[in-house]
């Protein structure tokens, strides 16, 4: 059953002909490759790839990319831990190993969550229930796509689910379950800084709820374990920064996501146009490049469009350093405009569920074949995603439908629980934690970056998951209790 469920989650990659990659995927792997080269002198298929960004600055394609990396700016947020995970998966069997592992962990997470919810409600888990659950999730939510996506996105959802299970079901969970959830949570906060911020936000919200709303419902031990995982995530960020500084002589640079969004939305652009050149911002020298597309401004290497990646390394660092000053100046000068644009971005994010990144052309890009080794580059160009052949629109439509239905079910159960206490306390805590996490994700991604459908789609499948589990548990619980009444 487990093997069949894992195979079911692999269906998008099997249909595509390969696991899905993103522009950042190659950066993750090359970062790990650079570390292996600098630390141990180990080379791989990724070392010295012709056309890899930074190779020319180090003397051409004959120089390993790891040596060129020190000439470039190392970006914060691209976790070396997830890079190592991808690097190991590539070394074993291209990227199929990583896809298989991510799918297996996801299936195990869904299975353990379902089993614990059923047992806590006094219900014996059945093979039929498990089969229906995994089939519905694989067919009508984005989970299968993200399970085979070579990005840390799936671990954002797994970390949130892990936090919900730890604070809701700690006392009834087995030692294996606790260890598994802690591993998922720790991996999530180490694999991406946005997930770390999400879990910090969720932990604070749950702590507030425990103190002021439902003191006895949230497990204090579970919340403490979540807090320890957060500490590990923060330590990982510090370790990564220290390692990059030691290897390259300079700390990693965080892209100016907030400044770029405020420029694209208007408020920060108006401040720059009014204050420059007196303000002395590095961006004052590039006012002609400011536009309403933050992605283009951040990632384009076109000197006529980019305000970050298109700049020399020293200016890139300066733009990142000056972000806090520019953002604070914009908030102080135009608070209503900033609040309006931020709320609008949050609103766009919470309602945005898209899978365009799984059809490369539909996302306005092509497979980064110049930045991956042969013959994998040729394999990428022969996938369905390279010709926009993946059924993403169908899955997106089904995902919207299951999210709406799941949301209605959860609202009905929570409202009914408030009146009749039909929901067990631990199940209620789990539901509220997941819902708070989904909402917090939209707020964080919308406020701190440009809204993208992928950001919400990567964990929106948790809504129908917990709705199915809650409906099944309460439905059967009511059937059992009615004859006794």
Protein backbone atom coordinates (compact mmCIF):
# COMPACT_ATOMS: atom_id res chain seq x y z
CA UNK A 1 0.00 0.00 0.00
CA UNK A 2 2.78 2.41 0.95
CA UNK A 3 4.71 1.75 -2.27
CA UNK A 4 1.55 2.19 -4.35
CA UNK A 5 0.80 5.51 -2.63
CA UNK A 6 4.34 6.76 -3.26
CA UNK A 7 4.04 5.74 -6.92
CA UNK A 8 0.75 7.62 -7.12
CA UNK A 9 2.39 10.83 -5.92
CA UNK A 10 5.06 10.41 -8.59
CA UNK A 11 2.51 10.67 -11.39
CA UNK A 12 3.35 14.24 -12.50
CA UNK A 13 7.05 13.39 -12.84
CA UNK A 14 6.29 10.13 -14.63
CA UNK A 15 3.96 11.92 -17.06
CA UNK A 16 6.49 14.72 -17.53
CA UNK A 17 9.40 12.37 -18.09
CA UNK A 18 11.50 13.91 -15.30
CA UNK A 19 11.12 15.63 -11.93
CA UNK A 20 10.38 19.34 -12.22
CA UNK A 21 13.09 21.91 -11.74
CA UNK A 22 13.06 25.65 -11.19
CA UNK A 23 15.68 28.30 -11.85
CA UNK A 24 16.68 28.11 -8.19
CA UNK A 25 17.11 24.32 -8.36
CA UNK A 26 20.40 24.62 -10.20
CA UNK A 27 21.55 27.32 -7.76
CA UNK A 28 20.89 24.99 -4.82
CA UNK A 29 22.91 22.17 -6.39
CA UNK A 30 25.75 24.39 -7.61
CA UNK A 31 25.98 25.89 -4.13
CA UNK A 32 26.43 22.43 -2.62
CA UNK A 33 28.86 21.56 -5.39
CA UNK A 34 30.85 24.71 -4.64
CA UNK A 35 31.06 23.74 -0.99
CA UNK A 36 32.22 20.20 -1.81
CA UNK A 37 34.88 21.58 -4.14
CA UNK A 38 36.17 24.19 -1.74
CA UNK A 39 36.16 21.91 1.31
CA UNK A 40 37.23 18.58 -0.12
CA UNK A 41 38.31 19.20 -3.73
CA UNK A 42 35.46 16.96 -4.93
CA UNK A 43 34.12 17.64 -8.42
CA UNK A 44 30.90 16.44 -10.02
CA UNK A 45 28.87 16.77 -13.21
CA UNK A 46 27.91 20.24 -11.99
CA UNK A 47 31.49 21.48 -11.68
CA UNK A 48 32.61 23.80 -14.45
CA UNK A 49 29.34 23.78 -16.42
CA UNK A 50 29.67 25.93 -19.52
CA UNK A 51 27.25 28.80 -19.37
CA UNK A 52 26.76 28.65 -15.62
CA UNK A 53 26.39 32.08 -14.10
CA UNK A 54 29.71 33.34 -12.83
CA UNK A 55 31.90 31.02 -14.89
CA UNK A 56 33.06 33.79 -17.18
CA UNK A 57 34.17 35.97 -14.29
CA UNK A 58 36.54 33.24 -13.18
CA UNK A 59 38.15 32.78 -16.52
CA UNK A 60 35.72 30.80 -18.61
CA UNK A 61 34.07 27.43 -18.66
CA UNK A 62 37.32 25.61 -17.91
CA UNK A 63 37.33 26.96 -14.34
CA UNK A 64 35.12 25.10 -11.86
CA UNK A 65 31.98 26.96 -10.93
CA UNK A 66 32.94 26.52 -7.30
CA UNK A 67 35.89 28.82 -7.89
CA UNK A 68 33.72 31.28 -9.74
CA UNK A 69 31.17 31.31 -6.92
CA UNK A 70 33.49 33.41 -4.76
CA UNK A 71 33.46 36.07 -7.47
CA UNK A 72 29.70 36.32 -7.29
CA UNK A 73 27.29 37.27 -4.52
CA UNK A 74 26.02 34.27 -2.56
CA UNK A 75 22.33 34.75 -1.88
CA UNK A 76 20.79 34.13 1.51
CA UNK A 77 17.65 32.00 1.58
CA UNK A 78 18.96 29.29 -0.74
CA UNK A 79 19.69 26.77 1.96
CA UNK A 80 22.91 24.80 1.74
CA UNK A 81 21.05 22.03 3.60
CA UNK A 82 18.47 21.58 0.85
CA UNK A 83 21.27 22.00 -1.69
CA UNK A 84 23.08 19.08 -0.09
CA UNK A 85 19.84 17.07 -0.18
CA UNK A 86 19.52 17.69 -3.93
CA UNK A 87 23.24 17.12 -4.48
CA UNK A 88 23.03 13.72 -2.78
CA UNK A 89 19.92 12.80 -4.76
CA UNK A 90 21.66 13.73 -7.99
CA UNK A 91 24.71 11.66 -7.10
CA UNK A 92 22.58 8.55 -6.51
CA UNK A 93 20.19 8.65 -9.48
CA UNK A 94 19.93 12.09 -11.07
CA UNK A 95 16.98 13.83 -9.39
CA UNK A 96 14.63 10.85 -9.31
CA UNK A 97 16.03 9.85 -5.93
CA UNK A 98 15.03 13.20 -4.45
CA UNK A 99 11.56 12.96 -6.01
CA UNK A 100 11.12 9.47 -4.58
CA UNK A 101 12.26 10.53 -1.10
CA UNK A 102 10.03 13.62 -1.04
CA UNK A 103 7.04 11.57 -2.18
CA UNK A 104 7.72 8.87 0.42
CA UNK A 105 8.00 11.40 3.25
CA UNK A 106 4.78 13.08 2.12
CA UNK A 107 2.86 9.79 1.99
CA UNK A 108 4.17 8.84 5.43
CA UNK A 109 3.16 12.25 6.83
CA UNK A 110 -0.38 11.94 5.45
CA UNK A 111 -0.67 8.37 6.70
CA UNK A 112 0.59 9.12 10.20
CA UNK A 113 -1.60 12.20 10.53
CA UNK A 114 -4.68 10.28 9.42
CA UNK A 115 -3.93 7.35 11.68
CA UNK A 116 -3.40 9.54 14.75
CA UNK A 117 -6.57 11.58 14.15
CA UNK A 118 -8.64 8.40 13.77
CA UNK A 119 -7.17 6.68 16.81
CA UNK A 120 -7.57 9.76 18.99
CA UNK A 121 -11.25 9.85 17.98
CA UNK A 122 -11.68 6.21 18.95
CA UNK A 123 -11.83 4.93 15.37
CA UNK A 124 -9.82 2.08 13.86
CA UNK A 125 -8.00 3.32 10.72
CA UNK A 126 -8.97 1.38 7.62
CA UNK A 127 -7.16 0.68 4.34
CA UNK A 128 -10.17 2.05 2.47
CA UNK A 129 -9.97 5.39 4.26
CA UNK A 130 -6.25 5.65 3.57
CA UNK A 131 -6.74 4.78 -0.10
CA UNK A 132 -9.50 7.32 -0.63
CA UNK A 133 -7.47 9.99 1.13
CA UNK A 134 -4.29 9.59 -0.89
CA UNK A 135 -6.15 9.23 -4.21
CA UNK A 136 -8.16 12.40 -3.62
CA UNK A 137 -5.08 14.37 -2.59
CA UNK A 138 -3.00 13.13 -5.52
CA UNK A 139 -5.71 13.79 -8.10
CA UNK A 140 -7.42 16.95 -6.84
CA UNK A 141 -4.75 18.95 -5.01
CA UNK A 142 -1.25 20.20 -5.92
CA UNK A 143 0.53 17.86 -3.46
CA UNK A 144 1.78 15.42 -6.12
CA UNK A 145 3.34 18.23 -8.15
CA UNK A 146 5.22 19.63 -5.18
CA UNK A 147 6.33 16.19 -4.04
CA UNK A 148 8.33 15.87 -7.30
CA UNK A 149 9.38 19.53 -7.50
CA UNK A 150 13.09 19.98 -6.90
CA UNK A 151 12.53 22.87 -4.54
CA UNK A 152 12.01 22.92 -0.74
CA UNK A 153 8.33 23.89 -1.19
CA UNK A 154 6.89 20.54 -0.09
CA UNK A 155 8.73 20.85 3.21
CA UNK A 156 6.92 24.10 4.01
CA UNK A 157 3.64 22.15 4.07
CA UNK A 158 5.18 19.22 5.92
CA UNK A 159 6.67 21.56 8.54
CA UNK A 160 3.28 23.19 9.11
CA UNK A 161 1.55 19.81 9.37
CA UNK A 162 4.28 18.65 11.76
CA UNK A 163 3.80 21.69 13.99
CA UNK A 164 0.03 21.08 14.04
CA UNK A 165 0.49 17.44 15.02
CA UNK A 166 3.05 18.24 17.72
CA UNK A 167 0.94 20.89 19.46
CA UNK A 168 -2.30 18.98 19.01
CA UNK A 169 -1.39 15.32 19.48
CA UNK A 170 1.85 15.21 21.45
CA UNK A 171 0.43 13.36 24.44
CA UNK A 172 -1.18 10.58 22.37
CA UNK A 173 1.56 10.19 19.74
CA UNK A 174 4.08 7.35 19.74
CA UNK A 175 7.81 7.95 20.03
CA UNK A 176 8.21 7.22 16.32
CA UNK A 177 5.51 9.74 15.40
CA UNK A 178 7.06 12.44 17.55
CA UNK A 179 10.49 11.78 16.05
CA UNK A 180 9.10 11.85 12.52
CA UNK A 181 7.23 15.11 13.02
CA UNK A 182 10.26 16.71 14.63
CA UNK A 183 12.40 15.60 11.68
CA UNK A 184 9.92 17.09 9.18
CA UNK A 185 9.73 20.33 11.13
CA UNK A 186 13.51 20.62 11.48
CA UNK A 187 14.04 19.89 7.78
CA UNK A 188 11.48 22.53 6.85
CA UNK A 189 13.04 25.33 8.91
CA UNK A 190 16.54 24.40 7.71
CA UNK A 191 15.57 24.09 4.05
CA UNK A 192 14.20 27.63 3.58
CA UNK A 193 14.19 30.84 5.60
CA UNK A 194 10.58 31.57 4.57
CA UNK A 195 9.48 28.31 6.22
CA UNK A 196 11.39 29.29 9.34
CA UNK A 197 9.55 32.62 9.43
CA UNK A 198 6.24 30.82 8.86
CA UNK A 199 6.79 28.42 11.77
CA UNK A 200 7.91 31.26 14.05
CA UNK A 201 4.69 33.12 13.23
CA UNK A 202 2.53 30.03 13.77
CA UNK A 203 4.25 29.22 17.07
CA UNK A 204 3.59 32.74 18.34
CA UNK A 205 -0.06 32.55 17.31
CA UNK A 206 -0.48 29.15 18.98
CA UNK A 207 1.25 30.43 22.11
CA UNK A 208 -1.16 33.37 22.20
CA UNK A 209 -4.08 30.98 21.82
CA UNK A 210 -2.78 28.77 24.61
CA UNK A 211 -2.34 31.69 27.00
CA UNK A 212 -5.52 33.61 26.29
CA UNK A 213 -8.00 31.28 24.63
CA UNK A 214 -7.68 27.53 25.20
CA UNK A 215 -5.12 26.92 27.92
CA UNK A 216 -5.63 23.19 28.22
CA UNK A 217 -5.94 22.31 24.52
CA UNK A 218 -2.44 23.10 23.23
CA UNK A 219 0.31 20.75 24.36
CA UNK A 220 2.96 22.69 26.25
CA UNK A 221 5.56 20.01 25.51
CA UNK A 222 4.64 19.99 21.83
CA UNK A 223 4.94 23.76 21.65
CA UNK A 224 8.33 23.55 23.38
CA UNK A 225 9.53 21.04 20.78
CA UNK A 226 8.38 23.36 18.00
CA UNK A 227 10.35 26.15 19.66
CA UNK A 228 13.46 23.96 19.79
CA UNK A 229 13.13 23.26 16.07
CA UNK A 230 12.95 27.02 15.48
CA UNK A 231 16.21 27.44 17.40
CA UNK A 232 17.81 24.79 15.18
CA UNK A 233 16.59 26.65 12.09
CA UNK A 234 18.06 29.91 13.34
CA UNK A 235 21.33 28.16 14.14
CA UNK A 236 21.36 26.81 10.60
CA UNK A 237 21.01 30.34 9.20
CA UNK A 238 23.93 31.51 11.36
CA UNK A 239 26.05 28.51 10.37
CA UNK A 240 25.35 29.08 6.68
CA UNK A 241 26.28 32.75 6.93
CA UNK A 242 29.48 31.96 8.82
CA UNK A 243 30.43 29.25 6.32
CA UNK A 244 29.86 31.48 3.30
CA UNK A 245 31.85 34.29 4.93
CA UNK A 246 34.76 31.97 5.65
CA UNK A 247 34.80 30.39 2.18
CA UNK A 248 34.23 33.51 0.09
CA UNK A 249 35.37 36.33 2.36
CA UNK A 250 31.93 37.98 2.39
CA UNK A 251 28.56 37.14 4.00
CA UNK A 252 25.57 36.05 1.92
CA UNK A 253 23.25 38.72 0.62
CA UNK A 254 19.49 38.70 1.03
CA UNK A 255 17.64 39.92 -2.08
CA UNK A 256 15.67 43.14 -1.45
CA UNK A 257 12.24 41.53 -1.82
CA UNK A 258 10.31 44.11 0.20
CA UNK A 259 11.94 47.11 -1.46
CA UNK A 260 11.31 45.63 -4.91
CA UNK A 261 7.64 45.04 -4.13
CA UNK A 262 7.17 48.56 -2.79
CA UNK A 263 8.92 49.96 -5.86
CA UNK A 264 6.69 47.90 -8.15
CA UNK A 265 3.57 48.93 -6.22
CA UNK A 266 4.57 52.60 -6.37
CA UNK A 267 5.29 54.01 -2.89
CA UNK A 268 9.04 53.32 -2.81
CA UNK A 269 9.45 54.41 -6.41
CA UNK A 270 7.89 57.77 -5.58
CA UNK A 271 10.24 58.15 -2.61
CA UNK A 272 13.28 57.41 -4.78
CA UNK A 273 12.17 59.80 -7.50
CA UNK A 274 11.64 62.57 -4.92
CA UNK A 275 14.71 61.97 -2.73
CA UNK A 276 17.35 61.09 -5.32
CA UNK A 277 20.14 61.90 -5.80
CA UNK A 278 20.39 63.63 -2.41
CA UNK A 279 19.41 60.46 -0.50
CA UNK A 280 22.50 58.71 -1.80
CA UNK A 281 20.86 55.32 -2.42
CA UNK A 282 22.62 53.06 -4.89
CA UNK A 283 19.31 52.81 -6.74
CA UNK A 284 19.48 56.55 -7.39
CA UNK A 285 21.91 55.70 -10.17
CA UNK A 286 19.38 53.37 -11.79
CA UNK A 287 16.06 55.21 -11.63
CA UNK A 288 15.45 54.51 -15.31
CA UNK A 289 15.20 50.79 -14.52
CA UNK A 290 12.37 51.05 -11.99
CA UNK A 291 9.12 49.45 -13.19
CA UNK A 292 6.02 47.64 -11.95
CA UNK A 293 7.44 44.09 -12.14
CA UNK A 294 9.48 43.20 -9.08
CA UNK A 295 10.58 39.84 -10.50
CA UNK A 296 12.11 41.53 -13.52
CA UNK A 297 13.82 44.12 -11.35
CA UNK A 298 15.24 41.49 -9.02
CA UNK A 299 16.26 38.67 -11.32
CA UNK A 300 16.80 40.10 -14.80
CA UNK A 301 20.45 40.40 -15.79
CA UNK A 302 19.52 42.89 -18.50
CA UNK A 303 21.29 46.18 -17.61
CA UNK A 304 18.25 48.07 -18.86
CA UNK A 305 15.81 46.32 -16.51
CA UNK A 306 17.49 44.80 -13.47
CA UNK A 307 18.17 46.56 -10.18
CA UNK A 308 19.74 43.61 -8.38
CA UNK A 309 21.14 40.65 -10.34
CA UNK A 310 22.07 42.97 -13.23
CA UNK A 311 24.31 45.04 -10.96
CA UNK A 312 27.98 44.39 -10.13
CA UNK A 313 28.54 42.45 -6.87
CA UNK A 314 29.46 45.55 -4.83
CA UNK A 315 26.33 47.42 -5.91
CA UNK A 316 24.23 44.32 -5.28
CA UNK A 317 25.44 44.21 -1.70
CA UNK A 318 24.78 47.92 -1.31
CA UNK A 319 21.20 47.62 -2.58
CA UNK A 320 20.56 44.78 -0.10
CA UNK A 321 22.09 46.74 2.78
CA UNK A 322 20.13 49.89 1.95
CA UNK A 323 16.78 48.06 1.77
CA UNK A 324 15.86 48.61 5.44
CA UNK A 325 16.55 52.33 5.17
CA UNK A 326 14.50 52.68 1.97
CA UNK A 327 11.59 50.64 3.35
CA UNK A 328 11.52 52.59 6.62
CA UNK A 329 11.70 55.89 4.72
CA UNK A 330 8.78 54.76 2.53
CA UNK A 331 6.67 53.58 5.48
CA UNK A 332 7.31 56.84 7.37
CA UNK A 333 6.55 59.05 4.40
CA UNK A 334 3.61 57.11 2.92
CA UNK A 335 2.10 54.86 5.60
CA UNK A 336 -1.35 54.66 4.03
CA UNK A 337 0.02 53.84 0.60
CA UNK A 338 2.29 51.14 2.04
CA UNK A 339 -0.56 49.68 4.10
CA UNK A 340 -2.86 49.68 1.10
CA UNK A 341 -0.35 48.03 -1.23
CA UNK A 342 0.62 45.47 1.41
CA UNK A 343 -2.97 44.49 2.16
CA UNK A 344 -3.67 44.25 -1.57
CA UNK A 345 -0.64 41.99 -2.00
CA UNK A 346 -1.81 39.78 0.87
CA UNK A 347 -5.25 39.57 -0.69
CA UNK A 348 -3.80 38.57 -4.06
CA UNK A 349 -1.64 35.95 -2.39
CA UNK A 350 -4.37 34.31 -0.34
CA UNK A 351 -6.55 33.85 -3.43
CA UNK A 352 -3.73 32.82 -5.77
CA UNK A 353 -3.34 29.10 -6.47
CA UNK A 354 -1.39 28.38 -9.66
CA UNK A 355 0.87 25.70 -11.10
CA UNK A 356 2.37 27.68 -13.98
CA UNK A 357 5.89 26.78 -12.89
CA UNK A 358 5.23 23.19 -13.93
CA UNK A 359 4.80 24.24 -17.57
CA UNK A 360 8.03 26.04 -18.34
CA UNK A 361 6.78 28.06 -21.27
CA UNK A 362 3.55 29.06 -19.47
CA UNK A 363 5.69 30.51 -16.69
CA UNK A 364 7.52 32.68 -19.20
CA UNK A 365 10.73 30.70 -19.06
CA UNK A 366 12.44 27.72 -20.60
CA UNK A 367 14.31 24.88 -18.91
CA UNK A 368 17.68 26.19 -17.72
CA UNK A 369 19.50 23.68 -19.92
CA UNK A 370 22.63 25.83 -20.11
CA UNK A 371 23.06 25.59 -16.35
CA UNK A 372 22.69 21.80 -15.99
CA UNK A 373 25.05 19.02 -17.08
CA UNK A 374 24.62 16.92 -20.17
CA UNK A 375 22.81 14.66 -20.96
CA UNK A 376 20.28 15.96 -18.41
CA UNK A 377 19.93 19.18 -20.38
CA UNK A 378 18.69 17.22 -23.39
CA UNK A 379 16.33 15.24 -21.19
CA UNK A 380 14.85 18.47 -19.85
CA UNK A 381 14.21 19.76 -23.34
CA UNK A 382 12.26 16.59 -24.12
CA UNK A 383 9.83 16.77 -21.19
CA UNK A 384 6.15 17.61 -21.37
CA UNK A 385 6.74 20.69 -19.24
CA UNK A 386 9.08 22.09 -21.89
CA UNK A 387 6.19 22.02 -24.38
CA UNK A 388 3.48 23.13 -21.92
CA UNK A 389 2.00 19.64 -21.98
CA UNK A 390 1.29 19.18 -18.28
CA UNK A 391 -2.42 19.34 -17.23
CA UNK A 392 -1.82 22.10 -14.71
CA UNK A 393 -5.02 24.00 -15.44
CA UNK A 394 -7.15 20.96 -14.66
CA UNK A 395 -5.36 20.30 -11.38
CA UNK A 396 -5.52 24.00 -10.49
CA UNK A 397 -9.27 24.04 -11.01
CA UNK A 398 -9.73 20.93 -8.90
CA UNK A 399 -7.46 22.42 -6.23
CA UNK A 400 -9.57 25.56 -6.01
CA UNK A 401 -12.70 23.41 -5.70
CA UNK A 402 -11.28 21.13 -2.99
CA UNK A 403 -9.92 24.14 -1.10
CA UNK A 404 -13.32 25.83 -1.11
CA UNK A 405 -15.14 22.66 -0.06
CA UNK A 406 -12.53 21.92 2.58
CA UNK A 407 -12.77 25.46 3.95
CA UNK A 408 -16.56 25.22 4.19
CA UNK A 409 -16.30 21.88 6.01
CA UNK A 410 -13.75 23.26 8.48
CA UNK A 411 -15.78 26.39 9.16
CA UNK A 412 -18.90 24.30 9.74
CA UNK A 413 -17.06 21.95 12.08
CA UNK A 414 -15.42 24.76 14.04
CA UNK A 415 -18.68 26.67 14.39
CA UNK A 416 -20.50 23.50 15.40
CA UNK A 417 -17.74 22.70 17.85
CA UNK A 418 -18.14 26.07 19.49
CA UNK A 419 -21.78 25.24 20.21
CA UNK A 420 -21.78 21.49 20.86
CA UNK A 421 -18.09 20.68 21.43
CA UNK A 422 -18.34 18.01 18.72
CA UNK A 423 -14.66 18.31 17.84
CA UNK A 424 -12.10 16.75 20.18
CA UNK A 425 -9.79 19.38 21.63
CA UNK A 426 -6.66 18.01 19.95
CA UNK A 427 -8.36 17.88 16.55
CA UNK A 428 -9.54 21.45 16.99
CA UNK A 429 -5.98 22.56 17.80
CA UNK A 430 -4.66 20.79 14.71
CA UNK A 431 -7.25 22.42 12.46
CA UNK A 432 -6.72 25.90 13.88
CA UNK A 433 -2.92 25.57 13.60
CA UNK A 434 -3.10 24.57 9.93
CA UNK A 435 -5.59 27.31 9.09
CA UNK A 436 -3.48 29.92 10.90
CA UNK A 437 -0.43 28.67 9.04
CA UNK A 438 -2.08 28.91 5.62
CA UNK A 439 -3.26 32.44 6.43
CA UNK A 440 0.16 33.40 7.82
CA UNK A 441 1.84 32.07 4.69
CA UNK A 442 -0.30 34.34 2.53
CA UNK A 443 0.42 37.32 4.77
CA UNK A 444 4.17 36.69 4.87
CA UNK A 445 4.63 35.97 1.17
CA UNK A 446 2.28 38.74 0.11
CA UNK A 447 3.83 41.37 2.38
CA UNK A 448 7.49 40.45 2.02
CA UNK A 449 7.58 39.42 -1.62
CA UNK A 450 5.58 39.59 -4.81
CA UNK A 451 2.50 37.32 -4.68
CA UNK A 452 2.92 34.10 -6.66
CA UNK A 453 0.47 31.25 -7.08
CA UNK A 454 3.17 28.75 -6.19
CA UNK A 455 3.63 30.18 -2.69
CA UNK A 456 0.06 29.35 -1.68
CA UNK A 457 -0.36 26.24 -3.81
CA UNK A 458 2.56 24.50 -2.09
CA UNK A 459 0.62 24.10 1.16
CA UNK A 460 -3.01 24.71 0.26
CA UNK A 461 -3.50 20.94 0.02
CA UNK A 462 -3.41 20.84 3.82
CA UNK A 463 -6.89 22.40 3.90
CA UNK A 464 -8.70 19.50 2.16
CA UNK A 465 -6.46 17.05 4.05
CA UNK A 466 -7.46 18.23 7.52
CA UNK A 467 -11.06 18.74 6.36
CA UNK A 468 -11.27 15.11 5.19
CA UNK A 469 -9.72 13.86 8.41
CA UNK A 470 -11.96 16.02 10.61
CA UNK A 471 -15.13 15.16 8.71
CA UNK A 472 -14.37 11.45 8.81
CA UNK A 473 -13.49 11.47 12.49
CA UNK A 474 -16.50 13.51 13.64
CA UNK A 475 -18.91 11.75 11.31
CA UNK A 476 -18.02 8.31 12.61
CA UNK A 477 -17.79 9.59 16.17
CA UNK A 478 -21.35 10.88 15.96
CA UNK A 479 -22.60 7.57 14.52
CA UNK A 480 -21.02 5.64 17.37
CA UNK A 481 -22.25 7.98 20.08
CA UNK A 482 -25.85 8.29 18.87
CA UNK A 483 -27.00 4.75 19.84
CA UNK A 484 -25.51 5.18 23.30
CA UNK A 485 -27.44 8.40 23.73
